[in-house]
C-alpha atoms as a PDB file:
ATOM      1  CA  UNK A   1     -10.003 -47.917 -14.390  1.00  0.00           C
ATOM      2  CA  UNK A   2     -10.143 -44.809 -12.179  1.00  0.00           C
ATOM      3  CA  UNK A   3     -12.355 -46.603  -9.686  1.00  0.00           C
ATOM      4  CA  UNK A   4     -10.000 -49.594  -9.715  1.00  0.00           C
ATOM      5  CA  UNK A   5      -7.076 -47.310  -8.822  1.00  0.00           C
ATOM      6  CA  UNK A   6      -9.169 -45.750  -6.032  1.00  0.00           C
ATOM      7  CA  UNK A   7     -10.071 -49.165  -4.618  1.00  0.00           C
ATOM      8  CA  UNK A   8      -6.409 -50.157  -4.707  1.00  0.00           C
ATOM      9  CA  UNK A   9      -5.389 -46.984  -2.809  1.00  0.00           C
ATOM     10  CA  UNK A  10      -8.057 -47.730  -0.203  1.00  0.00           C
ATOM     11  CA  UNK A  11      -6.735 -51.272   0.241  1.00  0.00           C
ATOM     12  CA  UNK A  12      -9.958 -52.890  -0.918  1.00  0.00           C
ATOM     13  CA  UNK A  13      -9.786 -56.374  -2.414  1.00  0.00           C
ATOM     14  CA  UNK A  14     -11.541 -56.406  -5.788  1.00  0.00           C
ATOM     15  CA  UNK A  15     -13.197 -59.542  -7.156  1.00  0.00           C
ATOM     16  CA  UNK A  16     -13.991 -59.739 -10.865  1.00  0.00           C
ATOM     17  CA  UNK A  17     -16.335 -62.126 -12.669  1.00  0.00           C
ATOM     18  CA  UNK A  18     -16.748 -61.954 -16.435  1.00  0.00           C
ATOM     19  CA  UNK A  19     -19.233 -63.574 -18.782  1.00  0.00           C
ATOM     20  CA  UNK A  20     -22.388 -63.297 -20.854  1.00  0.00           C
ATOM     21  CA  UNK A  21     -24.927 -63.524 -18.003  1.00  0.00           C
ATOM     22  CA  UNK A  22     -27.691 -64.000 -20.584  1.00  0.00           C
ATOM     23  CA  UNK A  23     -31.094 -64.786 -19.042  1.00  0.00           C
ATOM     24  CA  UNK A  24     -29.963 -64.420 -15.455  1.00  0.00           C
ATOM     25  CA  UNK A  25     -30.783 -67.516 -13.414  1.00  0.00           C
ATOM     26  CA  UNK A  26     -30.078 -68.839  -9.892  1.00  0.00           C
ATOM     27  CA  UNK A  27     -26.750 -70.315 -11.013  1.00  0.00           C
ATOM     28  CA  UNK A  28     -25.515 -66.845 -11.983  1.00  0.00           C
ATOM     29  CA  UNK A  29     -26.776 -65.323  -8.737  1.00  0.00           C
ATOM     30  CA  UNK A  30     -25.131 -68.018  -6.606  1.00  0.00           C
ATOM     31  CA  UNK A  31     -21.827 -67.652  -8.470  1.00  0.00           C
ATOM     32  CA  UNK A  32     -21.790 -63.903  -7.835  1.00  0.00           C
ATOM     33  CA  UNK A  33     -22.832 -64.263  -4.191  1.00  0.00           C
ATOM     34  CA  UNK A  34     -20.057 -66.797  -3.551  1.00  0.00           C
ATOM     35  CA  UNK A  35     -17.495 -64.698  -5.412  1.00  0.00           C
ATOM     36  CA  UNK A  36     -18.484 -61.591  -3.419  1.00  0.00           C
ATOM     37  CA  UNK A  37     -17.406 -63.347  -0.241  1.00  0.00           C
ATOM     38  CA  UNK A  38     -13.771 -63.306  -1.389  1.00  0.00           C
ATOM     39  CA  UNK A  39     -13.344 -59.524  -1.424  1.00  0.00           C
ATOM     40  CA  UNK A  40     -14.584 -56.045  -0.606  1.00  0.00           C
ATOM     41  CA  UNK A  41     -15.769 -54.964  -4.072  1.00  0.00           C
ATOM     42  CA  UNK A  42     -17.549 -57.205  -6.596  1.00  0.00           C
ATOM     43  CA  UNK A  43     -17.191 -56.170 -10.240  1.00  0.00           C
ATOM     44  CA  UNK A  44     -18.915 -57.936 -13.125  1.00  0.00           C
ATOM     45  CA  UNK A  45     -17.726 -57.563 -16.720  1.00  0.00           C
ATOM     46  CA  UNK A  46     -20.517 -58.358 -19.189  1.00  0.00           C
ATOM     47  CA  UNK A  47     -19.576 -59.545 -22.678  1.00  0.00           C
ATOM     48  CA  UNK A  48     -21.040 -57.552 -25.553  1.00  0.00           C
ATOM     49  CA  UNK A  49     -23.672 -58.971 -27.884  1.00  0.00           C
ATOM     50  CA  UNK A  50     -21.256 -59.793 -30.735  1.00  0.00           C
ATOM     51  CA  UNK A  51     -19.016 -61.817 -28.419  1.00  0.00           C
ATOM     52  CA  UNK A  52     -21.956 -63.743 -26.972  1.00  0.00           C
ATOM     53  CA  UNK A  53     -23.263 -64.501 -30.479  1.00  0.00           C
ATOM     54  CA  UNK A  54     -19.871 -65.816 -31.556  1.00  0.00           C
ATOM     55  CA  UNK A  55     -19.425 -67.924 -28.428  1.00  0.00           C
ATOM     56  CA  UNK A  56     -22.958 -69.345 -28.600  1.00  0.00           C
ATOM     57  CA  UNK A  57     -22.254 -70.608 -32.092  1.00  0.00           C
ATOM     58  CA  UNK A  58     -19.264 -72.557 -30.787  1.00  0.00           C
ATOM     59  CA  UNK A  59     -20.847 -73.790 -27.540  1.00  0.00           C
ATOM     60  CA  UNK A  60     -21.186 -77.520 -27.046  1.00  0.00           C
ATOM     61  CA  UNK A  61     -24.868 -77.182 -26.131  1.00  0.00           C
ATOM     62  CA  UNK A  62     -25.650 -74.897 -29.102  1.00  0.00           C
ATOM     63  CA  UNK A  63     -27.093 -77.827 -31.040  1.00  0.00           C
ATOM     64  CA  UNK A  64     -29.873 -78.124 -28.457  1.00  0.00           C
ATOM     65  CA  UNK A  65     -30.815 -74.450 -28.561  1.00  0.00           C
ATOM     66  CA  UNK A  66     -32.296 -72.879 -31.676  1.00  0.00           C
ATOM     67  CA  UNK A  67     -32.814 -69.395 -30.210  1.00  0.00           C
ATOM     68  CA  UNK A  68     -30.209 -66.835 -31.239  1.00  0.00           C
ATOM     69  CA  UNK A  69     -28.042 -65.490 -28.460  1.00  0.00           C
ATOM     70  CA  UNK A  70     -27.894 -63.317 -26.579  1.00  0.00           C
ATOM     71  CA  UNK A  71     -31.571 -63.272 -25.756  1.00  0.00           C
ATOM     72  CA  UNK A  72     -31.177 -60.016 -23.801  1.00  0.00           C
ATOM     73  CA  UNK A  73     -28.993 -57.159 -25.099  1.00  0.00           C
ATOM     74  CA  UNK A  74     -25.889 -56.216 -23.127  1.00  0.00           C
ATOM     75  CA  UNK A  75     -27.461 -53.054 -21.690  1.00  0.00           C
ATOM     76  CA  UNK A  76     -30.326 -55.053 -20.151  1.00  0.00           C
ATOM     77  CA  UNK A  77     -28.001 -57.761 -18.836  1.00  0.00           C
ATOM     78  CA  UNK A  78     -25.798 -55.103 -17.218  1.00  0.00           C
ATOM     79  CA  UNK A  79     -28.781 -53.338 -15.641  1.00  0.00           C
ATOM     80  CA  UNK A  80     -30.103 -56.555 -14.113  1.00  0.00           C
ATOM     81  CA  UNK A  81     -26.672 -57.502 -12.747  1.00  0.00           C
ATOM     82  CA  UNK A  82     -26.213 -54.039 -11.237  1.00  0.00           C
ATOM     83  CA  UNK A  83     -29.454 -54.527  -9.284  1.00  0.00           C
ATOM     84  CA  UNK A  84     -28.092 -57.573  -7.433  1.00  0.00           C
ATOM     85  CA  UNK A  85     -27.043 -57.001  -3.819  1.00  0.00           C
ATOM     86  CA  UNK A  86     -23.804 -58.942  -4.323  1.00  0.00           C
ATOM     87  CA  UNK A  87     -22.654 -56.721  -7.211  1.00  0.00           C
ATOM     88  CA  UNK A  88     -21.007 -53.346  -6.618  1.00  0.00           C
ATOM     89  CA  UNK A  89     -20.089 -52.356 -10.159  1.00  0.00           C
ATOM     90  CA  UNK A  90     -20.853 -53.575 -13.691  1.00  0.00           C
ATOM     91  CA  UNK A  91     -18.945 -52.811 -16.859  1.00  0.00           C
ATOM     92  CA  UNK A  92     -19.805 -53.737 -20.427  1.00  0.00           C
ATOM     93  CA  UNK A  93     -16.993 -55.273 -22.463  1.00  0.00           C
ATOM     94  CA  UNK A  94     -16.972 -53.658 -25.891  1.00  0.00           C
ATOM     95  CA  UNK A  95     -14.126 -54.229 -28.321  1.00  0.00           C
ATOM     96  CA  UNK A  96     -12.067 -56.069 -25.705  1.00  0.00           C
ATOM     97  CA  UNK A  97     -11.977 -59.734 -24.801  1.00  0.00           C
ATOM     98  CA  UNK A  98     -12.617 -60.927 -21.265  1.00  0.00           C
ATOM     99  CA  UNK A  99      -9.010 -62.163 -21.057  1.00  0.00           C
ATOM    100  CA  UNK A 100      -7.640 -58.758 -22.094  1.00  0.00           C
ATOM    101  CA  UNK A 101      -9.965 -56.962 -19.676  1.00  0.00           C
ATOM    102  CA  UNK A 102      -8.883 -59.181 -16.787  1.00  0.00           C
ATOM    103  CA  UNK A 103      -5.230 -58.445 -17.537  1.00  0.00           C
ATOM    104  CA  UNK A 104      -5.871 -54.687 -17.865  1.00  0.00           C
ATOM    105  CA  UNK A 105      -8.271 -54.273 -14.922  1.00  0.00           C
ATOM    106  CA  UNK A 106      -5.980 -56.174 -12.542  1.00  0.00           C
ATOM    107  CA  UNK A 107      -8.465 -57.528 -10.016  1.00  0.00           C
ATOM    108  CA  UNK A 108      -7.167 -59.018  -6.803  1.00  0.00           C
ATOM    109  CA  UNK A 109      -9.307 -62.087  -7.396  1.00  0.00           C
ATOM    110  CA  UNK A 110     -10.762 -63.461 -10.608  1.00  0.00           C
ATOM    111  CA  UNK A 111     -13.838 -65.625 -10.006  1.00  0.00           C
ATOM    112  CA  UNK A 112     -14.286 -68.204 -12.727  1.00  0.00           C
ATOM    113  CA  UNK A 113     -17.449 -70.249 -13.024  1.00  0.00           C
ATOM    114  CA  UNK A 114     -17.236 -73.862 -14.078  1.00  0.00           C
ATOM    115  CA  UNK A 115     -18.619 -73.101 -17.546  1.00  0.00           C
ATOM    116  CA  UNK A 116     -16.437 -70.080 -18.164  1.00  0.00           C
ATOM    117  CA  UNK A 117     -15.374 -69.778 -21.789  1.00  0.00           C
ATOM    118  CA  UNK A 118     -11.971 -68.484 -20.746  1.00  0.00           C
ATOM    119  CA  UNK A 119      -9.637 -71.459 -20.501  1.00  0.00           C
ATOM    120  CA  UNK A 120      -7.572 -71.759 -17.333  1.00  0.00           C
ATOM    121  CA  UNK A 121      -4.329 -71.646 -19.335  1.00  0.00           C
ATOM    122  CA  UNK A 122      -5.362 -68.553 -21.295  1.00  0.00           C
ATOM    123  CA  UNK A 123      -6.491 -66.823 -18.120  1.00  0.00           C
ATOM    124  CA  UNK A 124      -3.253 -67.604 -16.321  1.00  0.00           C
ATOM    125  CA  UNK A 125      -1.154 -66.317 -19.242  1.00  0.00           C
ATOM    126  CA  UNK A 126      -3.218 -63.134 -19.498  1.00  0.00           C
ATOM    127  CA  UNK A 127      -2.980 -62.455 -15.807  1.00  0.00           C
ATOM    128  CA  UNK A 128       0.769 -63.032 -15.768  1.00  0.00           C
ATOM    129  CA  UNK A 129       1.484 -60.818 -18.804  1.00  0.00           C
ATOM    130  CA  UNK A 130      -0.298 -57.703 -17.436  1.00  0.00           C
ATOM    131  CA  UNK A 131       1.562 -55.052 -19.400  1.00  0.00           C
ATOM    132  CA  UNK A 132      -0.948 -52.398 -18.294  1.00  0.00           C
ATOM    133  CA  UNK A 133      -0.265 -52.990 -14.588  1.00  0.00           C
ATOM    134  CA  UNK A 134       3.364 -54.191 -14.339  1.00  0.00           C
ATOM    135  CA  UNK A 135       3.769 -53.449 -10.606  1.00  0.00           C
ATOM    136  CA  UNK A 136       0.575 -55.173  -9.538  1.00  0.00           C
ATOM    137  CA  UNK A 137       0.716 -58.863  -8.614  1.00  0.00           C
ATOM    138  CA  UNK A 138      -1.376 -61.304 -10.632  1.00  0.00           C
ATOM    139  CA  UNK A 139      -4.741 -62.028  -9.007  1.00  0.00           C
ATOM    140  CA  UNK A 140      -5.724 -65.272  -7.427  1.00  0.00           C
ATOM    141  CA  UNK A 141      -8.166 -67.247  -9.576  1.00  0.00           C
ATOM    142  CA  UNK A 142     -10.963 -68.982  -7.734  1.00  0.00           C
ATOM    143  CA  UNK A 143     -13.064 -71.633  -9.420  1.00  0.00           C
ATOM    144  CA  UNK A 144     -16.678 -71.783  -8.334  1.00  0.00           C
ATOM    145  CA  UNK A 145     -18.509 -74.957  -9.356  1.00  0.00           C
ATOM    146  CA  UNK A 146     -21.614 -74.677 -11.482  1.00  0.00           C
ATOM    147  CA  UNK A 147     -24.992 -75.139  -9.862  1.00  0.00           C
ATOM    148  CA  UNK A 148     -26.463 -78.368 -11.229  1.00  0.00           C
ATOM    149  CA  UNK A 149     -29.635 -77.899 -13.238  1.00  0.00           C
ATOM    150  CA  UNK A 150     -29.082 -74.226 -14.078  1.00  0.00           C
ATOM    151  CA  UNK A 151     -27.900 -72.855 -17.400  1.00  0.00           C
ATOM    152  CA  UNK A 152     -29.122 -70.373 -19.961  1.00  0.00           C
ATOM    153  CA  UNK A 153     -29.420 -73.194 -22.512  1.00  0.00           C
ATOM    154  CA  UNK A 154     -31.695 -75.175 -20.167  1.00  0.00           C
ATOM    155  CA  UNK A 155     -33.769 -72.080 -19.470  1.00  0.00           C
ATOM    156  CA  UNK A 156     -34.222 -71.474 -23.201  1.00  0.00           C
ATOM    157  CA  UNK A 157     -35.288 -75.108 -23.664  1.00  0.00           C
ATOM    158  CA  UNK A 158     -37.919 -74.718 -20.923  1.00  0.00           C
ATOM    159  CA  UNK A 159     -39.274 -71.572 -22.578  1.00  0.00           C
ATOM    160  CA  UNK A 160     -39.406 -73.288 -25.968  1.00  0.00           C
ATOM    161  CA  UNK A 161     -41.339 -76.232 -24.450  1.00  0.00           C
ATOM    162  CA  UNK A 162     -43.903 -73.823 -23.015  1.00  0.00           C
ATOM    163  CA  UNK A 163     -44.458 -72.308 -26.454  1.00  0.00           C
ATOM    164  CA  UNK A 164     -45.381 -75.714 -27.942  1.00  0.00           C
END
C-alpha cells in the first residue's frame, strides 16, 4: 500500500491484474503484456493456494481435470510472475479476496481476463464502494479476451496424456 501511495504521488498510472496464474502459459503472458500497455506500473495479485483450491472445485472445466489445484504453490507462482518483463510488482493475496484487494489497492486500471472468476457486477460494486480510498476515483476496468487454445486446464490435460 505504501508503494501504491508513492506511485499515486508520482502520477503513475497503475494497472492491476489478479488471479491464480497456476502453470503459467502463453495466455497469461499475453494478458499481462497487453494489460501493461495501459499504464506505467503493472501489479499482479496472486490468489493464495486455499482460494485456488476452492475455485478449482467450482470451475466448469474441473470435471475434465483430475489433478488437484493449484499445481504450483503461491510462492512459486509469484516468483515466476515477478520474472516477467511486463510485471513490475507482485503481491500474494492471503486472507483477502481479489475483489476486496482491488477495492483496497485502488488501481487506476483493473485488467480482467476473459476467464476471470470475479464477475463484472461484483467487480464494479467493489470498485465503487472503496471505503479504504474514498477520495480516489474508481478505476477503469479493461477486458482482455482470452487467447484461444491456452488454459491451465488444457495444459494439465496435455501433461496427463504424456504420462499415459
